[in-house]
């Protein structure tokens, strides 16, 4: 997986989390500063190792 940063049409920054097969699995909110988007990406990278699964399929 990888994070892909993109500029929006109004000059903000957004990122997608893209799977190895190219499918977008998550899209961020729009950020006014690239550093804010990067801070969020780093936070996600740090915390996903301890993420739990909430299985509501049963």
Protein backbone atom coordinates (compact mmCIF):
# COMPACT_ATOMS: atom_id res chain seq x y z
CA UNK A 1 0.00 0.00 0.00
CA UNK A 2 1.02 3.57 -0.48
CA UNK A 3 -0.21 7.07 0.23
CA UNK A 4 -0.66 9.31 -2.82
CA UNK A 5 -0.77 13.08 -2.31
CA UNK A 6 -2.69 15.20 -4.81
CA UNK A 7 -3.57 18.86 -5.22
CA UNK A 8 -7.27 19.67 -5.40
CA UNK A 9 -8.71 22.09 -7.94
CA UNK A 10 -8.94 24.82 -5.29
CA UNK A 11 -5.32 24.52 -4.14
CA UNK A 12 -5.76 22.22 -1.18
CA UNK A 13 -4.07 18.85 -0.61
CA UNK A 14 -5.75 15.47 -0.30
CA UNK A 15 -4.33 11.97 -0.05
CA UNK A 16 -5.48 8.54 -1.09
CA UNK A 17 -4.43 5.26 0.43
CA UNK A 18 -3.90 2.99 -2.57
CA UNK A 19 -3.67 -0.81 -2.45
CA UNK A 20 -1.01 -2.72 -4.36
CA UNK A 21 -3.58 -3.51 -7.07
CA UNK A 22 -4.18 0.22 -7.65
CA UNK A 23 -7.55 0.42 -5.91
CA UNK A 24 -8.16 3.46 -3.70
CA UNK A 25 -9.15 2.15 -0.29
CA UNK A 26 -9.35 5.46 1.58
CA UNK A 27 -9.48 9.18 0.78
CA UNK A 28 -8.65 11.97 3.21
CA UNK A 29 -10.35 15.23 3.86
CA UNK A 30 -8.89 18.26 2.08
CA UNK A 31 -6.06 20.06 3.88
CA UNK A 32 -5.02 23.67 3.38
CA UNK A 33 -1.36 22.80 4.04
CA UNK A 34 0.68 19.88 2.75
CA UNK A 35 2.38 19.57 6.13
CA UNK A 36 -1.00 18.89 7.77
CA UNK A 37 -1.69 16.09 5.30
CA UNK A 38 1.77 14.63 5.90
CA UNK A 39 1.25 14.82 9.69
CA UNK A 40 -1.98 12.84 9.31
CA UNK A 41 -0.27 10.25 7.12
CA UNK A 42 2.46 9.80 9.73
CA UNK A 43 -0.15 9.46 12.46
CA UNK A 44 -1.98 6.77 10.48
CA UNK A 45 1.26 4.92 9.82
CA UNK A 46 2.10 4.93 13.55
CA UNK A 47 -1.32 3.85 14.78
CA UNK A 48 -2.38 1.22 12.25
CA UNK A 49 -0.13 -1.40 13.77
CA UNK A 50 -2.33 -1.33 16.85
CA UNK A 51 -5.66 -0.97 15.05
CA UNK A 52 -8.39 -3.38 16.07
CA UNK A 53 -11.02 -5.05 13.91
CA UNK A 54 -14.65 -4.33 14.76
CA UNK A 55 -16.40 -7.29 13.07
CA UNK A 56 -20.06 -6.39 12.74
CA UNK A 57 -20.88 -9.07 10.17
CA UNK A 58 -22.54 -11.44 12.64
